[in-house]
Amino acid sequence: MNERIFAAAAARFPLRERDIGAFAHIRGRGMTFEVKAYEAPGAGSLCLMEMRAMAGLMNMETAVFSPTGLDGPLFSMDAISAMGRDTLLLELYDTTLSHPDYAALEEIRARYAALPGYDPGEHWYDSMRLAVSDYKRGRRAFGAYDPCVRDFAQRYFALLAAGARCDETEKKKQNAVFVDGLIQNGGPAVDQFRKMLGGEAAADFLHKVMFRT
């Protein structure tokens, strides 16, 4: 799925890979993370991760685009395959300064409404999560999810590219509110990074690599 996100971003913005040092390969507790990070000058940053665990029985792809020069919401995609069950999370978080309208993504949700979904439950960040976020779950369903991810990402980056420019310093502060919330409240991925890297290094990874605040 990450290649769909990369292609959609690259179609709108030039992407320049960043050197993230030791964070490019994170291993521990039976898991391996391969991480790549890209700068989209004047727009934001893209982080792509692939995780393998349980001797290959669990795999996850994660993509995060953090807008900084353009006033759009933070984009996050997780595609998780475990024991034959596939889960897709397409999420937007309101880290914007002027609250632009991304309702056009609702058409993408409607287009793939027939794919089985699920309730993600309640979380601390619910007030920041936009209603156009979408959640899918099924047995060996990644083939069906692929066009959904493609269309959602293409629409998101098209809307972002057409959006208003903003003050990067102020926008990064808004992104940091979300990241600090992750660090303070925890979560499955954050908790694992904390165990693998230690608290300070995990916070550095989230702020400097994954979300680029």
N, C-alpha and C. Protein backbone atom coordinates (compact mmCIF):
# COMPACT_ATOMS: atom_id res chain seq x y z
N MET A 1 0.82 -1.22 0.00
CA MET A 1 0.00 0.00 0.00
C MET A 1 0.86 1.28 0.00
N ASN A 2 2.04 1.19 0.60
CA ASN A 2 2.88 2.38 0.67
C ASN A 2 3.24 2.94 -0.70
N GLU A 3 3.38 2.04 -1.68
CA GLU A 3 3.73 2.54 -3.01
C GLU A 3 2.62 3.40 -3.58
N ARG A 4 1.38 3.12 -3.20
CA ARG A 4 0.25 3.94 -3.64
C ARG A 4 0.35 5.34 -3.04
N ILE A 5 0.71 5.41 -1.76
CA ILE A 5 0.84 6.70 -1.09
C ILE A 5 2.00 7.49 -1.70
N PHE A 6 3.12 6.81 -1.91
CA PHE A 6 4.28 7.48 -2.47
C PHE A 6 3.96 8.03 -3.86
N ALA A 7 3.32 7.22 -4.70
CA ALA A 7 3.00 7.64 -6.06
C ALA A 7 2.05 8.84 -6.06
N ALA A 8 1.06 8.82 -5.18
CA ALA A 8 0.10 9.92 -5.13
C ALA A 8 0.77 11.21 -4.65
N ALA A 9 1.67 11.10 -3.68
CA ALA A 9 2.39 12.28 -3.20
C ALA A 9 3.35 12.81 -4.26
N ALA A 10 4.09 11.89 -4.91
CA ALA A 10 5.08 12.29 -5.91
C ALA A 10 4.44 12.91 -7.14
N ALA A 11 3.18 12.58 -7.41
CA ALA A 11 2.48 13.17 -8.54
C ALA A 11 2.17 14.65 -8.31
N ARG A 12 2.18 15.07 -7.04
CA ARG A 12 1.83 16.45 -6.71
C ARG A 12 3.02 17.27 -6.22
N PHE A 13 3.99 16.59 -5.59
CA PHE A 13 5.11 17.31 -4.99
C PHE A 13 6.43 16.59 -5.29
N PRO A 14 7.53 17.33 -5.47
CA PRO A 14 8.83 16.67 -5.56
C PRO A 14 9.20 16.11 -4.18
N LEU A 15 9.68 14.87 -4.15
CA LEU A 15 10.05 14.22 -2.89
C LEU A 15 11.55 14.01 -2.85
N ARG A 16 12.16 14.41 -1.75
CA ARG A 16 13.60 14.28 -1.57
C ARG A 16 13.85 13.41 -0.33
N GLU A 17 14.50 12.26 -0.52
CA GLU A 17 14.72 11.35 0.61
C GLU A 17 15.66 11.98 1.63
N ARG A 18 15.34 11.77 2.89
CA ARG A 18 16.13 12.29 3.99
C ARG A 18 16.98 11.19 4.62
N ASP A 19 18.14 11.55 5.10
CA ASP A 19 18.99 10.63 5.85
C ASP A 19 18.50 10.62 7.29
N ILE A 20 17.98 9.48 7.75
CA ILE A 20 17.46 9.39 9.12
C ILE A 20 18.33 8.50 10.00
N GLY A 21 19.51 8.15 9.51
CA GLY A 21 20.48 7.42 10.32
C GLY A 21 19.97 6.08 10.82
N ALA A 22 20.18 5.84 12.11
CA ALA A 22 19.83 4.55 12.71
C ALA A 22 18.33 4.29 12.72
N PHE A 23 17.53 5.33 12.57
CA PHE A 23 16.09 5.14 12.57
C PHE A 23 15.60 4.45 11.30
N ALA A 24 16.45 4.29 10.31
CA ALA A 24 16.04 3.63 9.06
C ALA A 24 15.80 2.14 9.27
N HIS A 25 16.45 1.56 10.27
CA HIS A 25 16.30 0.14 10.57
C HIS A 25 16.14 -0.03 12.07
N ILE A 26 14.96 -0.41 12.50
CA ILE A 26 14.68 -0.57 13.93
C ILE A 26 14.29 -2.01 14.17
N ARG A 27 15.01 -2.66 15.07
CA ARG A 27 14.76 -4.08 15.34
C ARG A 27 14.70 -4.32 16.84
N GLY A 28 13.83 -5.23 17.23
CA GLY A 28 13.75 -5.61 18.63
C GLY A 28 12.40 -6.22 18.95
N ARG A 29 12.37 -7.02 20.03
CA ARG A 29 11.13 -7.63 20.51
C ARG A 29 10.41 -8.42 19.41
N GLY A 30 11.21 -9.05 18.54
CA GLY A 30 10.64 -9.88 17.49
C GLY A 30 10.09 -9.12 16.31
N MET A 31 10.35 -7.81 16.24
CA MET A 31 9.82 -6.98 15.16
C MET A 31 10.96 -6.30 14.42
N THR A 32 10.73 -6.05 13.14
CA THR A 32 11.67 -5.32 12.30
C THR A 32 10.93 -4.21 11.58
N PHE A 33 11.41 -2.99 11.71
CA PHE A 33 10.84 -1.83 11.02
C PHE A 33 11.85 -1.31 10.02
N GLU A 34 11.43 -1.16 8.78
CA GLU A 34 12.24 -0.49 7.76
C GLU A 34 11.55 0.85 7.48
N VAL A 35 12.31 1.93 7.61
CA VAL A 35 11.72 3.27 7.57
C VAL A 35 12.40 4.12 6.51
N LYS A 36 11.59 4.84 5.75
CA LYS A 36 12.10 5.84 4.81
C LYS A 36 11.35 7.15 5.06
N ALA A 37 12.07 8.25 4.90
CA ALA A 37 11.47 9.57 5.11
C ALA A 37 11.84 10.47 3.95
N TYR A 38 10.88 11.30 3.57
CA TYR A 38 11.06 12.19 2.42
C TYR A 38 10.58 13.59 2.78
N GLU A 39 11.28 14.58 2.24
CA GLU A 39 10.87 15.97 2.35
C GLU A 39 10.15 16.36 1.06
N ALA A 40 9.03 17.04 1.21
CA ALA A 40 8.32 17.64 0.07
C ALA A 40 8.43 19.14 0.27
N PRO A 41 9.49 19.77 -0.26
CA PRO A 41 9.76 21.19 0.04
C PRO A 41 8.56 22.09 -0.21
N GLY A 42 8.25 22.89 0.79
CA GLY A 42 7.13 23.80 0.70
C GLY A 42 5.78 23.17 0.99
N ALA A 43 5.75 21.86 1.15
CA ALA A 43 4.47 21.17 1.38
C ALA A 43 4.45 20.43 2.72
N GLY A 44 5.45 19.59 2.96
CA GLY A 44 5.46 18.81 4.19
C GLY A 44 6.45 17.67 4.12
N SER A 45 6.16 16.58 4.82
CA SER A 45 7.07 15.45 4.85
C SER A 45 6.28 14.15 4.82
N LEU A 46 6.93 13.13 4.23
CA LEU A 46 6.32 11.80 4.10
C LEU A 46 7.20 10.78 4.80
N CYS A 47 6.59 9.92 5.61
CA CYS A 47 7.30 8.82 6.26
C CYS A 47 6.61 7.52 5.88
N LEU A 48 7.41 6.55 5.42
CA LEU A 48 6.90 5.24 5.06
C LEU A 48 7.58 4.18 5.91
N MET A 49 6.81 3.26 6.48
CA MET A 49 7.37 2.20 7.31
C MET A 49 6.80 0.86 6.90
N GLU A 50 7.65 -0.16 6.98
CA GLU A 50 7.20 -1.54 6.81
C GLU A 50 7.65 -2.33 8.03
N MET A 51 6.73 -3.06 8.63
CA MET A 51 7.03 -3.84 9.83
C MET A 51 6.76 -5.31 9.57
N ARG A 52 7.65 -6.16 10.06
CA ARG A 52 7.48 -7.61 10.01
C ARG A 52 7.60 -8.16 11.42
N ALA A 53 6.74 -9.11 11.77
CA ALA A 53 6.77 -9.72 13.10
C ALA A 53 6.20 -11.13 13.03
N MET A 54 6.35 -11.87 14.11
CA MET A 54 5.80 -13.22 14.22
C MET A 54 6.24 -14.10 13.06
N ALA A 55 7.54 -14.01 12.74
CA ALA A 55 8.12 -14.82 11.66
C ALA A 55 7.37 -14.65 10.35
N GLY A 56 6.92 -13.41 10.10
CA GLY A 56 6.22 -13.11 8.86
C GLY A 56 4.73 -13.30 8.90
N LEU A 57 4.18 -13.76 10.03
CA LEU A 57 2.74 -13.95 10.14
C LEU A 57 2.00 -12.63 10.34
N MET A 58 2.75 -11.58 10.75
CA MET A 58 2.15 -10.25 10.89
C MET A 58 2.99 -9.26 10.11
N ASN A 59 2.34 -8.47 9.28
CA ASN A 59 3.02 -7.45 8.47
C ASN A 59 2.20 -6.18 8.52
N MET A 60 2.90 -5.06 8.50
CA MET A 60 2.20 -3.78 8.54
C MET A 60 2.94 -2.77 7.67
N GLU A 61 2.17 -2.01 6.92
CA GLU A 61 2.69 -0.86 6.20
C GLU A 61 2.04 0.39 6.78
N THR A 62 2.86 1.41 7.01
CA THR A 62 2.37 2.67 7.57
C THR A 62 2.90 3.82 6.74
N ALA A 63 2.04 4.77 6.45
CA ALA A 63 2.43 5.98 5.74
C ALA A 63 1.86 7.18 6.48
N VAL A 64 2.68 8.20 6.67
CA VAL A 64 2.24 9.44 7.31
C VAL A 64 2.71 10.61 6.47
N PHE A 65 1.78 11.51 6.13
CA PHE A 65 2.18 12.76 5.49
C PHE A 65 1.79 13.89 6.44
N SER A 66 2.79 14.68 6.82
CA SER A 66 2.58 15.80 7.74
C SER A 66 2.73 17.11 6.97
N PRO A 67 1.64 17.77 6.62
CA PRO A 67 1.75 19.05 5.93
C PRO A 67 2.36 20.11 6.85
N THR A 68 3.22 20.91 6.29
CA THR A 68 3.81 22.02 7.05
C THR A 68 3.66 23.35 6.30
N GLY A 69 3.97 23.37 5.01
CA GLY A 69 3.85 24.60 4.24
C GLY A 69 2.47 24.82 3.66
N LEU A 70 1.63 23.78 3.68
CA LEU A 70 0.26 23.85 3.19
C LEU A 70 -0.68 23.49 4.33
N ASP A 71 -1.81 24.19 4.41
CA ASP A 71 -2.67 24.05 5.58
C ASP A 71 -3.69 22.93 5.41
N GLY A 72 -3.20 21.69 5.39
CA GLY A 72 -4.07 20.53 5.30
C GLY A 72 -3.95 19.66 6.54
N PRO A 73 -4.87 18.72 6.70
CA PRO A 73 -4.82 17.81 7.85
C PRO A 73 -3.71 16.77 7.69
N LEU A 74 -3.30 16.23 8.79
CA LEU A 74 -2.29 15.17 8.80
C LEU A 74 -2.92 13.88 8.29
N PHE A 75 -2.20 13.20 7.40
CA PHE A 75 -2.68 11.96 6.78
C PHE A 75 -1.94 10.76 7.36
N SER A 76 -2.69 9.70 7.68
CA SER A 76 -2.08 8.48 8.21
C SER A 76 -2.77 7.26 7.61
N MET A 77 -1.97 6.30 7.15
CA MET A 77 -2.49 5.04 6.63
C MET A 77 -1.77 3.89 7.30
N ASP A 78 -2.54 2.92 7.80
CA ASP A 78 -2.00 1.67 8.31
C ASP A 78 -2.69 0.53 7.60
N ALA A 79 -1.91 -0.40 7.06
CA ALA A 79 -2.43 -1.61 6.44
C ALA A 79 -1.79 -2.79 7.15
N ILE A 80 -2.59 -3.55 7.88
CA ILE A 80 -2.08 -4.59 8.77
C ILE A 80 -2.62 -5.95 8.34
N SER A 81 -1.72 -6.90 8.19
CA SER A 81 -2.11 -8.26 7.86
C SER A 81 -1.62 -9.18 8.96
N ALA A 82 -2.52 -9.92 9.59
CA ALA A 82 -2.16 -10.82 10.68
C ALA A 82 -3.03 -12.06 10.64
N MET A 83 -2.40 -13.20 10.44
CA MET A 83 -3.10 -14.47 10.47
C MET A 83 -4.27 -14.52 9.49
N GLY A 84 -4.09 -13.92 8.31
CA GLY A 84 -5.12 -13.96 7.29
C GLY A 84 -6.17 -12.88 7.38
N ARG A 85 -6.13 -12.06 8.44
CA ARG A 85 -7.09 -10.97 8.58
C ARG A 85 -6.40 -9.65 8.21
N ASP A 86 -7.01 -8.90 7.30
CA ASP A 86 -6.42 -7.66 6.81
C ASP A 86 -7.22 -6.46 7.33
N THR A 87 -6.51 -5.47 7.83
CA THR A 87 -7.13 -4.28 8.39
C THR A 87 -6.54 -3.05 7.73
N LEU A 88 -7.40 -2.12 7.37
CA LEU A 88 -6.96 -0.87 6.73
C LEU A 88 -7.51 0.31 7.52
N LEU A 89 -6.62 1.25 7.85
CA LEU A 89 -7.01 2.49 8.52
C LEU A 89 -6.54 3.64 7.65
N LEU A 90 -7.48 4.46 7.19
CA LEU A 90 -7.19 5.68 6.44
C LEU A 90 -7.71 6.84 7.30
N GLU A 91 -6.79 7.63 7.85
CA GLU A 91 -7.18 8.62 8.84
C GLU A 91 -6.63 10.00 8.49
N LEU A 92 -7.44 11.02 8.77
CA LEU A 92 -7.01 12.41 8.69
C LEU A 92 -7.23 13.06 10.05
N TYR A 93 -6.23 13.82 10.49
CA TYR A 93 -6.30 14.50 11.78
C TYR A 93 -6.20 16.00 11.57
N ASP A 94 -7.07 16.73 12.23
CA ASP A 94 -7.15 18.18 12.05
C ASP A 94 -6.03 18.88 12.82
N THR A 95 -4.92 19.06 12.15
CA THR A 95 -3.81 19.84 12.69
C THR A 95 -3.70 21.16 11.93
N THR A 96 -4.80 21.61 11.36
CA THR A 96 -4.80 22.78 10.48
C THR A 96 -4.92 24.07 11.27
N LEU A 97 -4.62 25.17 10.58
CA LEU A 97 -4.73 26.49 11.18
C LEU A 97 -6.04 27.16 10.81
N SER A 98 -6.58 26.84 9.62
CA SER A 98 -7.79 27.53 9.15
C SER A 98 -8.95 26.58 8.86
N HIS A 99 -8.78 25.30 9.18
CA HIS A 99 -9.83 24.28 9.02
C HIS A 99 -10.41 24.23 7.59
N PRO A 100 -9.56 23.92 6.59
CA PRO A 100 -10.05 23.82 5.21
C PRO A 100 -11.00 22.64 5.05
N ASP A 101 -11.76 22.68 3.96
CA ASP A 101 -12.79 21.68 3.72
C ASP A 101 -12.22 20.49 2.94
N TYR A 102 -12.28 19.32 3.53
CA TYR A 102 -11.84 18.09 2.87
C TYR A 102 -13.01 17.13 2.66
N ALA A 103 -14.21 17.70 2.59
CA ALA A 103 -15.41 16.87 2.46
C ALA A 103 -15.43 16.10 1.14
N ALA A 104 -14.64 16.52 0.15
CA ALA A 104 -14.62 15.80 -1.14
C ALA A 104 -14.12 14.37 -0.98
N LEU A 105 -13.46 14.07 0.12
CA LEU A 105 -13.02 12.70 0.38
C LEU A 105 -14.19 11.79 0.73
N GLU A 106 -15.33 12.38 1.09
CA GLU A 106 -16.49 11.56 1.42
C GLU A 106 -16.95 10.75 0.21
N GLU A 107 -16.73 11.29 -0.99
CA GLU A 107 -17.10 10.56 -2.20
C GLU A 107 -16.28 9.28 -2.34
N ILE A 108 -15.03 9.31 -1.91
CA ILE A 108 -14.19 8.11 -1.95
C ILE A 108 -14.71 7.09 -0.94
N ARG A 109 -15.08 7.56 0.23
CA ARG A 109 -15.65 6.64 1.23
C ARG A 109 -16.89 5.96 0.69
N ALA A 110 -17.76 6.73 0.04
CA ALA A 110 -19.00 6.16 -0.50
C ALA A 110 -18.70 5.16 -1.61
N ARG A 111 -17.66 5.43 -2.40
CA ARG A 111 -17.32 4.55 -3.52
C ARG A 111 -16.95 3.15 -3.03
N TYR A 112 -16.36 3.07 -1.84
CA TYR A 112 -15.90 1.77 -1.32
C TYR A 112 -16.68 1.35 -0.07
N ALA A 113 -17.88 1.85 0.05
CA ALA A 113 -18.69 1.54 1.23
C ALA A 113 -19.07 0.07 1.32
N ALA A 114 -19.05 -0.64 0.20
CA ALA A 114 -19.43 -2.05 0.21
C ALA A 114 -18.36 -2.93 0.86
N LEU A 115 -17.13 -2.43 0.96
CA LEU A 115 -16.08 -3.20 1.63
C LEU A 115 -16.37 -3.24 3.13
N PRO A 116 -16.30 -4.41 3.76
CA PRO A 116 -16.62 -4.51 5.19
C PRO A 116 -15.77 -3.56 6.03
N GLY A 117 -16.44 -2.81 6.88
CA GLY A 117 -15.74 -1.89 7.77
C GLY A 117 -15.80 -2.36 9.21
N TYR A 118 -15.30 -1.53 10.11
CA TYR A 118 -15.36 -1.86 11.53
C TYR A 118 -15.30 -0.58 12.34
N ASP A 119 -15.71 -0.66 13.58
CA ASP A 119 -15.69 0.48 14.50
C ASP A 119 -14.34 0.52 15.20
N PRO A 120 -13.56 1.58 15.03
CA PRO A 120 -12.24 1.63 15.66
C PRO A 120 -12.28 1.90 17.16
N GLY A 121 -13.45 2.18 17.70
CA GLY A 121 -13.56 2.44 19.13
C GLY A 121 -13.23 3.87 19.48
N GLU A 122 -13.22 4.16 20.77
CA GLU A 122 -12.96 5.51 21.25
C GLU A 122 -11.49 5.67 21.60
N HIS A 123 -10.96 6.86 21.27
CA HIS A 123 -9.55 7.17 21.53
C HIS A 123 -9.41 8.62 21.95
N TRP A 124 -8.29 8.96 22.55
CA TRP A 124 -8.06 10.32 23.03
C TRP A 124 -8.09 11.34 21.89
N TYR A 125 -7.74 10.90 20.67
CA TYR A 125 -7.62 11.84 19.55
C TYR A 125 -8.92 11.97 18.73
N ASP A 126 -10.02 11.45 19.23
CA ASP A 126 -11.25 11.47 18.45
C ASP A 126 -11.68 12.89 18.06
N SER A 127 -11.41 13.87 18.92
CA SER A 127 -11.81 15.24 18.60
C SER A 127 -11.00 15.83 17.45
N MET A 128 -9.83 15.24 17.15
CA MET A 128 -8.98 15.73 16.07
C MET A 128 -9.19 14.93 14.78
N ARG A 129 -9.79 13.75 14.87
CA ARG A 129 -9.94 12.87 13.72
C ARG A 129 -11.12 13.33 12.86
N LEU A 130 -10.87 13.53 11.56
CA LEU A 130 -11.91 14.00 10.66
C LEU A 130 -12.88 12.87 10.31
N ALA A 131 -14.12 13.25 10.06
CA ALA A 131 -15.17 12.26 9.81
C ALA A 131 -14.96 11.49 8.52
N VAL A 132 -14.14 11.99 7.60
CA VAL A 132 -13.90 11.28 6.35
C VAL A 132 -12.90 10.13 6.52
N SER A 133 -12.36 9.95 7.71
CA SER A 133 -11.49 8.79 7.97
C SER A 133 -12.28 7.52 7.72
N ASP A 134 -11.57 6.45 7.31
CA ASP A 134 -12.27 5.22 6.92
C ASP A 134 -11.54 4.00 7.47
N TYR A 135 -12.31 2.95 7.79
CA TYR A 135 -11.76 1.75 8.42
C TYR A 135 -12.35 0.51 7.77
N LYS A 136 -11.48 -0.43 7.37
CA LYS A 136 -11.91 -1.65 6.70
C LYS A 136 -11.25 -2.86 7.37
N ARG A 137 -11.95 -3.99 7.33
CA ARG A 137 -11.38 -5.23 7.87
C ARG A 137 -12.03 -6.42 7.18
N GLY A 138 -11.20 -7.39 6.78
CA GLY A 138 -11.73 -8.58 6.12
C GLY A 138 -10.67 -9.65 6.00
N ARG A 139 -11.05 -10.80 5.48
CA ARG A 139 -10.15 -11.92 5.28
C ARG A 139 -9.45 -11.78 3.93
N ARG A 140 -8.11 -11.71 3.97
CA ARG A 140 -7.29 -11.64 2.75
C ARG A 140 -7.88 -10.64 1.76
N ALA A 141 -7.99 -9.38 2.25
CA ALA A 141 -8.74 -8.36 1.52
C ALA A 141 -7.87 -7.28 0.89
N PHE A 142 -6.54 -7.40 0.98
CA PHE A 142 -5.69 -6.32 0.51
C PHE A 142 -5.87 -6.04 -0.98
N GLY A 143 -6.18 -7.05 -1.77
CA GLY A 143 -6.43 -6.81 -3.19
C GLY A 143 -7.58 -5.85 -3.40
N ALA A 144 -8.62 -5.96 -2.58
CA ALA A 144 -9.76 -5.07 -2.67
C ALA A 144 -9.45 -3.69 -2.09
N TYR A 145 -8.54 -3.63 -1.11
CA TYR A 145 -8.20 -2.35 -0.49
C TYR A 145 -7.32 -1.49 -1.38
N ASP A 146 -6.56 -2.10 -2.27
CA ASP A 146 -5.57 -1.37 -3.05
C ASP A 146 -6.17 -0.18 -3.81
N PRO A 147 -7.26 -0.34 -4.58
CA PRO A 147 -7.82 0.83 -5.26
C PRO A 147 -8.40 1.86 -4.30
N CYS A 148 -8.88 1.41 -3.15
CA CYS A 148 -9.41 2.34 -2.15
C CYS A 148 -8.29 3.25 -1.64
N VAL A 149 -7.15 2.66 -1.31
CA VAL A 149 -6.00 3.44 -0.85
C VAL A 149 -5.54 4.40 -1.95
N ARG A 150 -5.46 3.89 -3.18
CA ARG A 150 -5.03 4.73 -4.31
C ARG A 150 -5.93 5.95 -4.46
N ASP A 151 -7.24 5.72 -4.48
CA ASP A 151 -8.17 6.82 -4.74
C ASP A 151 -8.21 7.81 -3.57
N PHE A 152 -8.16 7.29 -2.35
CA PHE A 152 -8.17 8.16 -1.18
C PHE A 152 -6.93 9.04 -1.18
N ALA A 153 -5.76 8.44 -1.44
CA ALA A 153 -4.51 9.19 -1.43
C ALA A 153 -4.47 10.21 -2.56
N GLN A 154 -4.90 9.83 -3.74
CA GLN A 154 -4.90 10.77 -4.86
C GLN A 154 -5.79 11.97 -4.57
N ARG A 155 -6.97 11.73 -4.00
CA ARG A 155 -7.87 12.84 -3.68
C ARG A 155 -7.28 13.72 -2.58
N TYR A 156 -6.70 13.10 -1.56
CA TYR A 156 -6.10 13.87 -0.47
C TYR A 156 -4.99 14.79 -0.98
N PHE A 157 -4.06 14.25 -1.76
CA PHE A 157 -2.94 15.07 -2.21
C PHE A 157 -3.37 16.11 -3.23
N ALA A 158 -4.42 15.83 -4.00
CA ALA A 158 -4.95 16.84 -4.91
C ALA A 158 -5.54 18.01 -4.12
N LEU A 159 -6.30 17.70 -3.07
CA LEU A 159 -6.86 18.75 -2.23
C LEU A 159 -5.77 19.54 -1.52
N LEU A 160 -4.76 18.82 -1.03
CA LEU A 160 -3.67 19.49 -0.33
C LEU A 160 -2.91 20.43 -1.27
N ALA A 161 -2.61 19.96 -2.47
CA ALA A 161 -1.85 20.77 -3.42
C ALA A 161 -2.61 22.04 -3.81
N ALA A 162 -3.93 21.99 -3.78
CA ALA A 162 -4.75 23.15 -4.13
C ALA A 162 -5.04 24.04 -2.93
N GLY A 163 -4.54 23.65 -1.76
CA GLY A 163 -4.84 24.37 -0.53
C GLY A 163 -4.00 25.61 -0.32
N ALA A 164 -4.31 26.29 0.77
CA ALA A 164 -3.64 27.55 1.09
C ALA A 164 -2.27 27.31 1.71
N ARG A 165 -1.34 28.20 1.40
CA ARG A 165 -0.05 28.16 2.05
C ARG A 165 -0.21 28.69 3.48
N CYS A 166 0.70 28.28 4.35
CA CYS A 166 0.59 28.70 5.74
C CYS A 166 1.98 28.87 6.34
N ASP A 167 2.02 29.42 7.53
CA ASP A 167 3.27 29.61 8.25
C ASP A 167 3.77 28.25 8.75
N GLU A 168 4.94 27.83 8.30
CA GLU A 168 5.44 26.49 8.64
C GLU A 168 5.67 26.32 10.13
N THR A 169 6.18 27.36 10.79
CA THR A 169 6.44 27.25 12.22
C THR A 169 5.16 27.01 13.00
N GLU A 170 4.12 27.77 12.67
CA GLU A 170 2.85 27.60 13.37
C GLU A 170 2.21 26.27 13.03
N LYS A 171 2.34 25.84 11.77
CA LYS A 171 1.76 24.55 11.37
C LYS A 171 2.45 23.40 12.09
N LYS A 172 3.77 23.45 12.22
CA LYS A 172 4.49 22.39 12.93
C LYS A 172 4.07 22.33 14.39
N LYS A 173 3.74 23.48 14.97
CA LYS A 173 3.26 23.48 16.36
C LYS A 173 1.94 22.72 16.46
N GLN A 174 1.08 22.88 15.46
CA GLN A 174 -0.18 22.15 15.45
C GLN A 174 0.05 20.65 15.29
N ASN A 175 0.98 20.28 14.41
CA ASN A 175 1.33 18.86 14.27
C ASN A 175 1.87 18.31 15.58
N ALA A 176 2.65 19.12 16.28
CA ALA A 176 3.27 18.67 17.53
C ALA A 176 2.24 18.40 18.61
N VAL A 177 1.10 19.10 18.56
CA VAL A 177 0.03 18.84 19.53
C VAL A 177 -0.43 17.39 19.42
N PHE A 178 -0.59 16.93 18.18
CA PHE A 178 -1.01 15.54 17.96
C PHE A 178 0.08 14.57 18.42
N VAL A 179 1.33 14.85 18.05
CA VAL A 179 2.43 13.95 18.40
C VAL A 179 2.62 13.89 19.91
N ASP A 180 2.56 15.04 20.59
CA ASP A 180 2.68 15.04 22.05
C ASP A 180 1.56 14.24 22.69
N GLY A 181 0.38 14.31 22.09
CA GLY A 181 -0.73 13.51 22.60
C GLY A 181 -0.46 12.03 22.48
N LEU A 182 0.14 11.61 21.35
CA LEU A 182 0.51 10.20 21.18
C LEU A 182 1.50 9.77 22.25
N ILE A 183 2.50 10.62 22.48
CA ILE A 183 3.54 10.26 23.47
C ILE A 183 2.94 10.18 24.86
N GLN A 184 2.08 11.13 25.20
CA GLN A 184 1.52 11.17 26.55
C GLN A 184 0.49 10.06 26.79
N ASN A 185 -0.31 9.77 25.77
CA ASN A 185 -1.40 8.81 25.95
C ASN A 185 -1.06 7.39 25.51
N GLY A 186 0.01 7.25 24.72
CA GLY A 186 0.43 5.94 24.27
C GLY A 186 -0.48 5.38 23.20
N GLY A 187 -0.22 4.14 22.84
CA GLY A 187 -0.95 3.44 21.79
C GLY A 187 -0.12 2.26 21.35
N PRO A 188 -0.69 1.34 20.57
CA PRO A 188 0.04 0.12 20.20
C PRO A 188 1.41 0.39 19.58
N ALA A 189 1.47 1.26 18.58
CA ALA A 189 2.74 1.51 17.90
C ALA A 189 3.69 2.30 18.80
N VAL A 190 3.17 3.35 19.44
CA VAL A 190 4.01 4.19 20.31
C VAL A 190 4.59 3.37 21.45
N ASP A 191 3.78 2.52 22.04
CA ASP A 191 4.26 1.70 23.16
C ASP A 191 5.37 0.76 22.72
N GLN A 192 5.26 0.21 21.50
CA GLN A 192 6.31 -0.67 21.00
C GLN A 192 7.60 0.09 20.74
N PHE A 193 7.49 1.28 20.15
CA PHE A 193 8.69 2.08 19.91
C PHE A 193 9.37 2.46 21.23
N ARG A 194 8.56 2.75 22.24
CA ARG A 194 9.12 3.10 23.54
C ARG A 194 9.89 1.92 24.14
N LYS A 195 9.35 0.71 23.97
CA LYS A 195 10.03 -0.48 24.49
C LYS A 195 11.30 -0.80 23.70
N MET A 196 11.26 -0.56 22.39
CA MET A 196 12.39 -0.91 21.53
C MET A 196 13.51 0.14 21.60
N LEU A 197 13.12 1.43 21.71
CA LEU A 197 14.09 2.51 21.61
C LEU A 197 14.38 3.21 22.93
N GLY A 198 13.46 3.07 23.88
CA GLY A 198 13.53 3.90 25.08
C GLY A 198 12.69 5.15 24.89
N GLY A 199 12.27 5.75 25.98
CA GLY A 199 11.33 6.86 25.91
C GLY A 199 11.83 8.06 25.14
N GLU A 200 13.06 8.50 25.40
CA GLU A 200 13.59 9.70 24.75
C GLU A 200 13.79 9.48 23.25
N ALA A 201 14.37 8.34 22.89
CA ALA A 201 14.60 8.05 21.47
C ALA A 201 13.28 7.87 20.73
N ALA A 202 12.29 7.26 21.39
CA ALA A 202 10.98 7.08 20.74
C ALA A 202 10.34 8.44 20.47
N ALA A 203 10.46 9.37 21.42
CA ALA A 203 9.92 10.71 21.20
C ALA A 203 10.65 11.41 20.06
N ASP A 204 11.97 11.24 19.99
CA ASP A 204 12.74 11.82 18.88
C ASP A 204 12.28 11.25 17.55
N PHE A 205 12.05 9.93 17.51
CA PHE A 205 11.61 9.30 16.27
C PHE A 205 10.27 9.87 15.81
N LEU A 206 9.33 10.00 16.74
CA LEU A 206 8.01 10.50 16.38
C LEU A 206 8.08 11.95 15.91
N HIS A 207 8.81 12.77 16.63
CA HIS A 207 8.86 14.19 16.30
C HIS A 207 9.72 14.49 15.07
N LYS A 208 10.87 13.83 14.97
CA LYS A 208 11.84 14.21 13.94
C LYS A 208 11.74 13.40 12.65
N VAL A 209 11.19 12.18 12.73
CA VAL A 209 11.14 11.31 11.56
C VAL A 209 9.71 11.06 11.11
N MET A 210 8.91 10.48 11.99
CA MET A 210 7.59 10.04 11.57
C MET A 210 6.64 11.20 11.25
N PHE A 211 6.66 12.25 12.11
CA PHE A 211 5.73 13.35 11.92
C PHE A 211 6.40 14.69 11.61
N ARG A 212 7.71 14.78 11.74
CA ARG A 212 8.50 15.94 11.32
C ARG A 212 7.94 17.26 11.88
N THR A 213 7.89 17.35 13.21
CA THR A 213 7.36 18.57 13.83
C THR A 213 8.47 19.59 14.03
